[in-house]
Structure formats: C-alpha cells, structure tokens
Amino acid sequence: MSKGKHHSVYVVELDSAVLKETKFVKANPGHDPEKACYYVGLTGLSPEERFEKHKENYKSNKFVQNYGLRLCPHLYEEYNPLSFEDAQEMETTLAEMLRAKGYAVWQK
C-alpha cells in the first residue's frame, strides 16, 4: 500500500431481520423492501479482520454483530486503500450512493 494509504472502507450485508430495529428503520425511510440491508464502515485493518472483530464484539457495531452476514467486496474493493481522510469521505459517499439506490444502510 502507498504511504499514508492504509485505511479501507468496507460493506457488510445485514440480515433483513435488522428491519425489526426501530433505529435502523428510521435511518432508512426510502428503503426498498426488495433490496438488501448494509453496514458501511472504515478501518485501519483489513476488511476481513474488522468484520471478525465486529462478530467477536470488539469495538463492534450492534447491527453487524447481531445481523452481519458477509462482506461485500464488490461494493468497496475498487476504492481501497485510502488515507484516513479519504476513507472518512468515501464511507459517507458509499453509504449515500447505496441509499440513493434504495438499499437500507447503517453508517456509524
């Protein structure tokens, strides 16, 4: 990786049971019920390592810990690696892009 570019954005597919969570639903008023639910995050670890940390309840997001199914590299690989600042921006951009397509998305 390039110097200063050791962060990554990542996307986790969430089980549709996450739609029972009021907070998640309220954050996604335009969600198309036929489309998947996702969590978008950023990490200084590899996306695979970070997903495992979520599942182990280490600095975990409760939606990923409880409903995380799998990483979706086809949605994020092209953007990595990034500087921390670029990863912060891309995390928001990626979440907004997915929401605009009707997906339900949780971002920190």
Protein backbone atom coordinates (compact mmCIF):
# COMPACT_ATOMS: atom_id res chain seq x y z
CA MET A 1 0.00 0.00 0.00
CA SER A 2 1.07 3.55 -0.59
CA LYS A 3 2.45 5.53 2.31
CA GLY A 4 -0.41 7.09 4.24
CA LYS A 5 -2.97 4.93 2.46
CA HIS A 6 -3.60 2.09 4.87
CA HIS A 7 -7.31 2.54 5.58
CA SER A 8 -10.20 0.82 3.87
CA VAL A 9 -13.92 1.25 3.51
CA TYR A 10 -15.97 -1.93 3.72
CA VAL A 11 -19.57 -3.04 3.33
CA VAL A 12 -21.28 -5.80 5.30
CA GLU A 13 -24.57 -7.32 4.18
CA LEU A 14 -27.02 -7.46 7.07
CA ASP A 15 -29.77 -10.00 7.58
CA SER A 16 -33.16 -8.46 6.79
CA ALA A 17 -34.14 -9.16 10.42
CA VAL A 18 -32.33 -5.87 11.15
CA LEU A 19 -35.52 -4.22 9.89
CA LYS A 20 -37.07 -5.07 13.26
CA GLU A 21 -34.74 -2.46 14.78
CA THR A 22 -36.60 0.86 15.01
CA LYS A 23 -33.41 2.93 14.93
CA PHE A 24 -32.27 1.21 11.72
CA VAL A 25 -35.64 1.63 10.01
CA LYS A 26 -35.89 5.33 10.96
CA ALA A 27 -32.48 5.94 9.38
CA ASN A 28 -33.73 4.47 6.09
CA PRO A 29 -37.12 5.97 5.22
CA GLY A 30 -36.63 5.41 1.46
CA HIS A 31 -35.63 1.76 1.73
CA ASP A 32 -36.94 -0.55 -0.98
CA PRO A 33 -38.05 -3.70 0.89
CA GLU A 34 -36.91 -5.83 -2.06
CA LYS A 35 -33.30 -4.67 -1.61
CA ALA A 36 -30.57 -5.69 0.82
CA CYS A 37 -29.53 -4.03 4.06
CA TYR A 38 -25.90 -2.96 4.57
CA TYR A 39 -23.47 -1.55 7.08
CA VAL A 40 -20.74 0.74 5.71
CA GLY A 41 -17.61 1.35 7.75
CA LEU A 42 -13.94 2.26 7.60
CA THR A 43 -10.96 0.57 9.16
CA GLY A 44 -7.20 0.59 9.50
CA LEU A 45 -7.33 -3.23 9.50
CA SER A 46 -8.21 -5.38 6.54
CA PRO A 47 -11.98 -5.52 5.97
CA GLU A 48 -11.85 -9.24 6.82
CA GLU A 49 -10.13 -8.61 10.15
CA ARG A 50 -12.54 -5.81 11.01
CA PHE A 51 -15.59 -7.95 10.21
CA GLU A 52 -14.24 -10.65 12.55
CA LYS A 53 -13.77 -8.03 15.30
CA HIS A 54 -17.41 -6.99 14.90
CA LYS A 55 -18.55 -10.59 15.21
CA GLU A 56 -16.33 -11.06 18.30
CA ASN A 57 -17.92 -7.96 19.89
CA TYR A 58 -14.66 -6.00 19.90
CA LYS A 59 -15.42 -2.34 19.16
CA SER A 60 -18.45 -3.72 17.41
CA ASN A 61 -21.46 -2.13 15.84
CA LYS A 62 -24.51 -3.96 17.23
CA PHE A 63 -26.13 -4.27 13.81
CA VAL A 64 -23.04 -6.01 12.39
CA GLN A 65 -22.57 -8.14 15.47
CA ASN A 66 -26.20 -9.30 15.53
CA TYR A 67 -27.13 -9.28 11.83
CA GLY A 68 -23.87 -9.27 9.84
CA LEU A 69 -23.87 -11.97 7.17
CA ARG A 70 -20.86 -11.35 4.95
CA LEU A 71 -18.55 -8.77 3.47
CA CYS A 72 -19.49 -7.44 0.03
CA PRO A 73 -16.12 -6.69 -1.59
CA HIS A 74 -17.70 -5.98 -4.98
CA LEU A 75 -19.12 -2.81 -3.40
CA TYR A 76 -15.87 -1.43 -1.95
CA GLU A 77 -12.66 -3.04 -3.25
CA GLU A 78 -12.15 -0.53 -6.03
CA TYR A 79 -11.83 2.32 -3.52
CA ASN A 80 -9.12 0.84 -1.26
CA PRO A 81 -6.53 1.61 0.03
CA LEU A 82 -7.23 5.16 1.21
CA SER A 83 -5.81 7.76 3.54
CA PHE A 84 -7.80 8.17 6.75
CA GLU A 85 -9.33 11.43 5.50
CA ASP A 86 -10.28 9.92 2.14
CA ALA A 87 -11.72 6.84 3.88
CA GLN A 88 -13.93 9.06 6.07
CA GLU A 89 -15.24 10.82 2.97
CA MET A 90 -15.68 7.61 0.99
CA GLU A 91 -17.55 5.94 3.88
CA THR A 92 -20.19 8.68 3.71
CA THR A 93 -20.24 8.76 -0.09
CA LEU A 94 -20.64 4.99 -0.35
CA ALA A 95 -23.48 4.96 2.20
CA GLU A 96 -25.24 7.78 0.33
CA MET A 97 -24.81 6.01 -3.03
CA LEU A 98 -26.34 2.81 -1.67
CA ARG A 99 -29.24 4.65 -0.01
CA ALA A 100 -29.93 6.53 -3.25
CA LYS A 101 -30.40 3.12 -4.93
CA GLY A 102 -32.96 2.07 -2.32
CA TYR A 103 -30.77 -0.01 -0.03
CA ALA A 104 -31.11 0.32 3.74
CA VAL A 105 -27.75 1.41 5.15
CA TRP A 106 -26.25 1.95 8.57
CA GLN A 107 -23.13 4.04 8.86
CA LYS A 108 -21.56 4.86 12.19
